Amino acid sequence: QVQLVESGGGLVQAGGSLRLSCVASGHTFSTYVIGWFRQAPGKEREFVAAISRFGGSTWFADSVRGRFTISRDNAKNTVYLQMNSLKQEDTANYYCAATTLYARDSGGYNYWGQGAQVTVSS
């Protein structure tokens, strides 16, 4: 089992940047694919990005590709989501999640953090 805690959310102007962190507990962090999802008010949770167990593969939603990057430091049990060129439509609660097999559907993830709010102003 793994527990996940997100941090780094906040308020930023359009065009700005934020970096989210997802810190995991436990000694088996490298066995998990880590994904980031987001959910805006009144909308369904949507896939943002994911990274393979040792970082060799990454996946992105079309809406963030080229603006967001994802990385991980297994020695620190941490995954990062670097968000650049932020747009108002990026405003949402961002969640990290863990799974043993890559998926773009939230149902494929077993463990979830509590979320971090990102608000992009005009």
N, C-alpha and C. Protein backbone atom coordinates (compact mmCIF):
# COMPACT_ATOMS: atom_id res chain seq x y z
N GLN A 1 0.84 -1.18 0.00
CA GLN A 1 0.00 0.00 0.00
C GLN A 1 0.88 1.23 0.00
N VAL A 2 0.38 2.33 -0.57
CA VAL A 2 1.14 3.57 -0.65
C VAL A 2 0.21 4.73 -0.35
N GLN A 3 0.74 5.70 0.35
CA GLN A 3 0.01 6.94 0.61
C GLN A 3 0.67 8.07 -0.15
N LEU A 4 -0.15 8.94 -0.73
CA LEU A 4 0.34 10.01 -1.60
C LEU A 4 -0.09 11.36 -1.07
N VAL A 5 0.82 12.33 -1.12
CA VAL A 5 0.52 13.68 -0.66
C VAL A 5 1.02 14.67 -1.70
N GLU A 6 0.10 15.48 -2.22
CA GLU A 6 0.46 16.50 -3.20
C GLU A 6 0.76 17.82 -2.51
N SER A 7 1.60 18.62 -3.15
CA SER A 7 1.88 19.98 -2.69
C SER A 7 2.31 20.81 -3.89
N GLY A 8 2.34 22.13 -3.68
CA GLY A 8 2.81 23.03 -4.73
C GLY A 8 1.73 23.77 -5.48
N GLY A 9 0.48 23.50 -5.15
CA GLY A 9 -0.59 24.22 -5.81
C GLY A 9 -0.63 25.68 -5.38
N GLY A 10 -1.46 26.45 -6.07
CA GLY A 10 -1.60 27.86 -5.71
C GLY A 10 -2.24 28.65 -6.81
N LEU A 11 -2.12 29.96 -6.68
CA LEU A 11 -2.69 30.91 -7.63
C LEU A 11 -1.57 31.47 -8.50
N VAL A 12 -1.78 31.45 -9.81
CA VAL A 12 -0.76 31.95 -10.73
C VAL A 12 -1.46 32.65 -11.89
N GLN A 13 -0.81 33.62 -12.47
CA GLN A 13 -1.37 34.31 -13.63
C GLN A 13 -1.19 33.47 -14.88
N ALA A 14 -2.07 33.67 -15.83
CA ALA A 14 -1.95 32.98 -17.11
C ALA A 14 -0.58 33.25 -17.71
N GLY A 15 0.01 32.19 -18.25
CA GLY A 15 1.36 32.29 -18.79
C GLY A 15 2.44 31.93 -17.80
N GLY A 16 2.07 31.81 -16.54
CA GLY A 16 3.03 31.49 -15.50
C GLY A 16 3.26 30.00 -15.35
N SER A 17 4.02 29.66 -14.31
CA SER A 17 4.41 28.27 -14.08
C SER A 17 4.19 27.88 -12.63
N LEU A 18 3.96 26.60 -12.43
CA LEU A 18 3.89 26.00 -11.11
C LEU A 18 4.50 24.61 -11.19
N ARG A 19 5.02 24.13 -10.08
CA ARG A 19 5.48 22.75 -10.00
C ARG A 19 4.77 22.04 -8.86
N LEU A 20 4.08 21.00 -9.19
CA LEU A 20 3.43 20.15 -8.20
C LEU A 20 4.35 19.00 -7.83
N SER A 21 4.29 18.64 -6.56
CA SER A 21 5.04 17.48 -6.07
C SER A 21 4.07 16.46 -5.51
N CYS A 22 4.43 15.21 -5.65
CA CYS A 22 3.65 14.11 -5.10
C CYS A 22 4.63 13.22 -4.35
N VAL A 23 4.50 13.22 -3.03
CA VAL A 23 5.41 12.43 -2.19
C VAL A 23 4.68 11.19 -1.71
N ALA A 24 5.34 10.05 -1.84
CA ALA A 24 4.73 8.78 -1.46
C ALA A 24 5.40 8.19 -0.23
N SER A 25 4.60 7.51 0.56
CA SER A 25 5.14 6.78 1.70
C SER A 25 5.46 5.36 1.25
N GLY A 26 6.21 4.65 2.06
CA GLY A 26 6.47 3.25 1.76
C GLY A 26 7.79 3.03 1.05
N HIS A 27 8.18 1.78 0.97
CA HIS A 27 9.48 1.42 0.41
C HIS A 27 9.37 0.81 -0.98
N THR A 28 8.18 0.85 -1.59
CA THR A 28 7.98 0.19 -2.87
C THR A 28 7.59 1.19 -3.95
N PHE A 29 8.01 2.43 -3.78
CA PHE A 29 7.60 3.50 -4.70
C PHE A 29 7.92 3.17 -6.14
N SER A 30 9.08 2.59 -6.39
CA SER A 30 9.51 2.33 -7.77
C SER A 30 8.71 1.22 -8.44
N THR A 31 7.84 0.58 -7.73
CA THR A 31 6.98 -0.44 -8.36
C THR A 31 5.73 0.16 -8.97
N TYR A 32 5.52 1.45 -8.77
CA TYR A 32 4.29 2.09 -9.23
C TYR A 32 4.50 3.06 -10.38
N VAL A 33 3.61 2.98 -11.34
CA VAL A 33 3.41 4.05 -12.31
C VAL A 33 2.63 5.14 -11.57
N ILE A 34 3.05 6.38 -11.76
CA ILE A 34 2.37 7.50 -11.11
C ILE A 34 1.70 8.36 -12.17
N GLY A 35 0.46 8.67 -11.93
CA GLY A 35 -0.29 9.52 -12.84
C GLY A 35 -0.77 10.79 -12.15
N TRP A 36 -0.99 11.80 -12.94
CA TRP A 36 -1.63 13.04 -12.47
C TRP A 36 -2.97 13.18 -13.20
N PHE A 37 -3.98 13.53 -12.42
CA PHE A 37 -5.30 13.80 -12.94
C PHE A 37 -5.74 15.16 -12.43
N ARG A 38 -6.76 15.72 -13.04
CA ARG A 38 -7.31 16.97 -12.56
C ARG A 38 -8.81 16.96 -12.70
N GLN A 39 -9.44 17.73 -11.85
CA GLN A 39 -10.90 17.84 -11.88
C GLN A 39 -11.29 19.28 -11.60
N ALA A 40 -11.98 19.86 -12.56
CA ALA A 40 -12.51 21.21 -12.41
C ALA A 40 -13.95 21.12 -11.92
N PRO A 41 -14.46 22.18 -11.28
CA PRO A 41 -15.84 22.15 -10.79
C PRO A 41 -16.83 21.83 -11.90
N GLY A 42 -17.70 20.87 -11.64
CA GLY A 42 -18.72 20.50 -12.61
C GLY A 42 -18.25 19.63 -13.75
N LYS A 43 -16.98 19.23 -13.70
CA LYS A 43 -16.43 18.41 -14.78
C LYS A 43 -15.92 17.09 -14.23
N GLU A 44 -15.77 16.13 -15.13
CA GLU A 44 -15.23 14.84 -14.73
C GLU A 44 -13.72 14.92 -14.54
N ARG A 45 -13.21 13.99 -13.73
CA ARG A 45 -11.78 13.91 -13.54
C ARG A 45 -11.13 13.47 -14.86
N GLU A 46 -10.04 14.13 -15.23
CA GLU A 46 -9.40 13.82 -16.49
C GLU A 46 -7.91 13.56 -16.32
N PHE A 47 -7.40 12.71 -17.17
CA PHE A 47 -5.99 12.36 -17.18
C PHE A 47 -5.16 13.56 -17.64
N VAL A 48 -4.02 13.77 -16.95
CA VAL A 48 -3.11 14.85 -17.33
C VAL A 48 -1.78 14.28 -17.84
N ALA A 49 -1.16 13.43 -17.02
CA ALA A 49 0.15 12.88 -17.37
C ALA A 49 0.43 11.67 -16.51
N ALA A 50 1.41 10.87 -16.95
CA ALA A 50 1.84 9.72 -16.16
C ALA A 50 3.29 9.43 -16.47
N ILE A 51 3.94 8.72 -15.56
CA ILE A 51 5.34 8.38 -15.72
C ILE A 51 5.55 6.94 -15.28
N SER A 52 6.38 6.23 -16.01
CA SER A 52 6.63 4.83 -15.72
C SER A 52 7.49 4.68 -14.46
N ARG A 53 7.69 3.45 -14.06
CA ARG A 53 8.30 3.17 -12.76
C ARG A 53 9.68 3.79 -12.58
N PHE A 54 10.48 3.81 -13.62
CA PHE A 54 11.83 4.38 -13.50
C PHE A 54 12.00 5.61 -14.39
N GLY A 55 10.88 6.13 -14.88
CA GLY A 55 10.91 7.38 -15.62
C GLY A 55 11.24 7.27 -17.09
N GLY A 56 11.36 6.06 -17.59
CA GLY A 56 11.75 5.91 -18.99
C GLY A 56 10.66 6.25 -19.98
N SER A 57 9.42 6.19 -19.52
CA SER A 57 8.29 6.52 -20.38
C SER A 57 7.40 7.53 -19.70
N THR A 58 6.90 8.46 -20.49
CA THR A 58 5.95 9.45 -19.99
C THR A 58 4.80 9.56 -20.99
N TRP A 59 3.66 9.96 -20.47
CA TRP A 59 2.46 10.10 -21.29
C TRP A 59 1.75 11.39 -20.90
N PHE A 60 1.14 12.04 -21.86
CA PHE A 60 0.49 13.32 -21.61
C PHE A 60 -0.85 13.40 -22.33
N ALA A 61 -1.75 14.12 -21.74
CA ALA A 61 -2.97 14.49 -22.44
C ALA A 61 -2.63 15.50 -23.52
N ASP A 62 -3.39 15.47 -24.60
CA ASP A 62 -3.12 16.40 -25.70
C ASP A 62 -3.19 17.86 -25.24
N SER A 63 -4.04 18.12 -24.28
CA SER A 63 -4.27 19.50 -23.83
C SER A 63 -3.07 20.09 -23.09
N VAL A 64 -2.16 19.24 -22.61
CA VAL A 64 -1.02 19.75 -21.85
C VAL A 64 0.32 19.42 -22.49
N ARG A 65 0.31 18.59 -23.51
CA ARG A 65 1.56 18.20 -24.16
C ARG A 65 2.30 19.41 -24.68
N GLY A 66 3.60 19.48 -24.38
CA GLY A 66 4.41 20.62 -24.79
C GLY A 66 4.46 21.73 -23.75
N ARG A 67 3.55 21.69 -22.79
CA ARG A 67 3.53 22.71 -21.72
C ARG A 67 3.88 22.10 -20.37
N PHE A 68 3.50 20.87 -20.16
CA PHE A 68 3.74 20.19 -18.88
C PHE A 68 4.82 19.13 -19.06
N THR A 69 5.61 18.94 -18.04
CA THR A 69 6.55 17.80 -18.01
C THR A 69 6.36 17.05 -16.69
N ILE A 70 6.70 15.79 -16.71
CA ILE A 70 6.58 14.95 -15.53
C ILE A 70 7.91 14.25 -15.30
N SER A 71 8.32 14.16 -14.06
CA SER A 71 9.58 13.50 -13.72
C SER A 71 9.44 12.86 -12.35
N ARG A 72 10.40 12.00 -12.03
CA ARG A 72 10.34 11.36 -10.72
C ARG A 72 11.75 11.16 -10.17
N ASP A 73 11.82 11.15 -8.85
CA ASP A 73 13.06 10.87 -8.13
C ASP A 73 12.73 9.75 -7.15
N ASN A 74 13.06 8.54 -7.53
CA ASN A 74 12.69 7.40 -6.69
C ASN A 74 13.43 7.40 -5.36
N ALA A 75 14.60 8.01 -5.31
CA ALA A 75 15.33 8.09 -4.04
C ALA A 75 14.59 8.97 -3.03
N LYS A 76 13.78 9.89 -3.55
CA LYS A 76 13.00 10.78 -2.69
C LYS A 76 11.53 10.42 -2.67
N ASN A 77 11.17 9.32 -3.32
CA ASN A 77 9.76 8.91 -3.37
C ASN A 77 8.86 10.04 -3.87
N THR A 78 9.33 10.76 -4.89
CA THR A 78 8.62 11.96 -5.33
C THR A 78 8.47 12.00 -6.85
N VAL A 79 7.29 12.41 -7.27
CA VAL A 79 7.02 12.70 -8.68
C VAL A 79 6.68 14.18 -8.79
N TYR A 80 7.17 14.80 -9.85
CA TYR A 80 6.95 16.22 -10.07
C TYR A 80 6.13 16.43 -11.35
N LEU A 81 5.28 17.43 -11.31
CA LEU A 81 4.57 17.87 -12.50
C LEU A 81 4.90 19.34 -12.69
N GLN A 82 5.73 19.62 -13.67
CA GLN A 82 6.10 21.00 -13.99
C GLN A 82 5.11 21.54 -15.02
N MET A 83 4.45 22.60 -14.64
CA MET A 83 3.41 23.17 -15.49
C MET A 83 3.82 24.55 -15.96
N ASN A 84 4.03 24.71 -17.25
CA ASN A 84 4.44 25.99 -17.83
C ASN A 84 3.34 26.52 -18.75
N SER A 85 3.44 27.78 -19.07
CA SER A 85 2.47 28.42 -19.98
C SER A 85 1.04 28.11 -19.55
N LEU A 86 0.78 28.29 -18.29
CA LEU A 86 -0.53 27.92 -17.76
C LEU A 86 -1.64 28.77 -18.35
N LYS A 87 -2.78 28.13 -18.53
CA LYS A 87 -3.97 28.78 -19.08
C LYS A 87 -5.08 28.72 -18.05
N GLN A 88 -6.06 29.57 -18.21
CA GLN A 88 -7.18 29.57 -17.28
C GLN A 88 -7.88 28.21 -17.27
N GLU A 89 -7.92 27.55 -18.40
CA GLU A 89 -8.58 26.24 -18.46
C GLU A 89 -7.80 25.14 -17.73
N ASP A 90 -6.60 25.45 -17.24
CA ASP A 90 -5.85 24.51 -16.41
C ASP A 90 -6.29 24.55 -14.95
N THR A 91 -7.13 25.51 -14.61
CA THR A 91 -7.63 25.63 -13.25
C THR A 91 -8.40 24.37 -12.85
N ALA A 92 -7.96 23.73 -11.76
CA ALA A 92 -8.59 22.48 -11.31
C ALA A 92 -7.91 22.04 -10.03
N ASN A 93 -8.50 21.01 -9.44
CA ASN A 93 -7.84 20.31 -8.35
C ASN A 93 -7.02 19.18 -8.98
N TYR A 94 -5.75 19.13 -8.67
CA TYR A 94 -4.85 18.16 -9.28
C TYR A 94 -4.55 17.04 -8.28
N TYR A 95 -4.68 15.81 -8.77
CA TYR A 95 -4.46 14.63 -7.94
C TYR A 95 -3.35 13.77 -8.52
N CYS A 96 -2.50 13.22 -7.65
CA CYS A 96 -1.60 12.17 -8.12
C CYS A 96 -2.17 10.83 -7.67
N ALA A 97 -1.83 9.81 -8.44
CA ALA A 97 -2.37 8.49 -8.19
C ALA A 97 -1.34 7.44 -8.59
N ALA A 98 -1.46 6.26 -8.00
CA ALA A 98 -0.50 5.19 -8.23
C ALA A 98 -1.18 3.94 -8.74
N THR A 99 -0.50 3.28 -9.66
CA THR A 99 -0.99 2.03 -10.21
C THR A 99 0.20 1.16 -10.57
N THR A 100 -0.04 -0.14 -10.68
CA THR A 100 1.06 -1.03 -11.08
C THR A 100 1.10 -1.22 -12.60
N LEU A 101 0.05 -0.75 -13.29
CA LEU A 101 -0.01 -0.89 -14.75
C LEU A 101 -0.54 0.39 -15.34
N TYR A 102 0.20 0.99 -16.25
CA TYR A 102 -0.18 2.28 -16.83
C TYR A 102 -1.62 2.26 -17.34
N ALA A 103 -2.31 3.36 -17.06
CA ALA A 103 -3.66 3.54 -17.57
C ALA A 103 -3.93 5.03 -17.71
N ARG A 104 -4.82 5.39 -18.62
CA ARG A 104 -5.25 6.78 -18.75
C ARG A 104 -6.59 6.99 -18.06
N ASP A 105 -7.22 5.91 -17.68
CA ASP A 105 -8.52 5.99 -17.00
C ASP A 105 -8.28 6.00 -15.50
N SER A 106 -9.01 6.87 -14.80
CA SER A 106 -8.81 6.98 -13.35
C SER A 106 -9.14 5.68 -12.63
N GLY A 107 -10.01 4.87 -13.23
CA GLY A 107 -10.37 3.60 -12.62
C GLY A 107 -9.22 2.62 -12.55
N GLY A 108 -8.17 2.88 -13.28
CA GLY A 108 -7.02 2.00 -13.28
C GLY A 108 -6.03 2.27 -12.17
N TYR A 109 -6.32 3.25 -11.33
CA TYR A 109 -5.40 3.64 -10.27
C TYR A 109 -5.96 3.23 -8.91
N ASN A 110 -5.08 2.69 -8.08
CA ASN A 110 -5.51 2.13 -6.80
C ASN A 110 -5.40 3.11 -5.64
N TYR A 111 -4.44 4.01 -5.72
CA TYR A 111 -4.16 4.90 -4.60
C TYR A 111 -4.17 6.35 -5.08
N TRP A 112 -4.72 7.22 -4.23
CA TRP A 112 -4.90 8.62 -4.59
C TRP A 112 -4.46 9.54 -3.48
N GLY A 113 -3.93 10.69 -3.87
CA GLY A 113 -3.69 11.75 -2.91
C GLY A 113 -4.94 12.56 -2.67
N GLN A 114 -4.81 13.57 -1.83
CA GLN A 114 -5.97 14.37 -1.45
C GLN A 114 -6.23 15.53 -2.40
N GLY A 115 -5.26 15.83 -3.25
CA GLY A 115 -5.43 16.88 -4.24
C GLY A 115 -4.76 18.18 -3.87
N ALA A 116 -4.41 18.95 -4.89
CA ALA A 116 -3.82 20.28 -4.73
C ALA A 116 -4.50 21.22 -5.71
N GLN A 117 -4.98 22.33 -5.20
CA GLN A 117 -5.72 23.27 -6.04
C GLN A 117 -4.76 24.14 -6.85
N VAL A 118 -5.03 24.23 -8.12
CA VAL A 118 -4.30 25.14 -9.02
C VAL A 118 -5.31 26.09 -9.62
N THR A 119 -5.07 27.37 -9.44
CA THR A 119 -5.95 28.39 -9.99
C THR A 119 -5.14 29.33 -10.88
N VAL A 120 -5.57 29.45 -12.12
CA VAL A 120 -4.89 30.31 -13.08
C VAL A 120 -5.78 31.50 -13.38
N SER A 121 -5.29 32.67 -13.09
CA SER A 121 -6.07 33.89 -13.30
C SER A 121 -5.69 34.55 -14.62
N SER A 122 -6.60 35.41 -15.09
CA SER A 122 -6.35 36.08 -16.37
C SER A 122 -5.43 37.26 -16.20
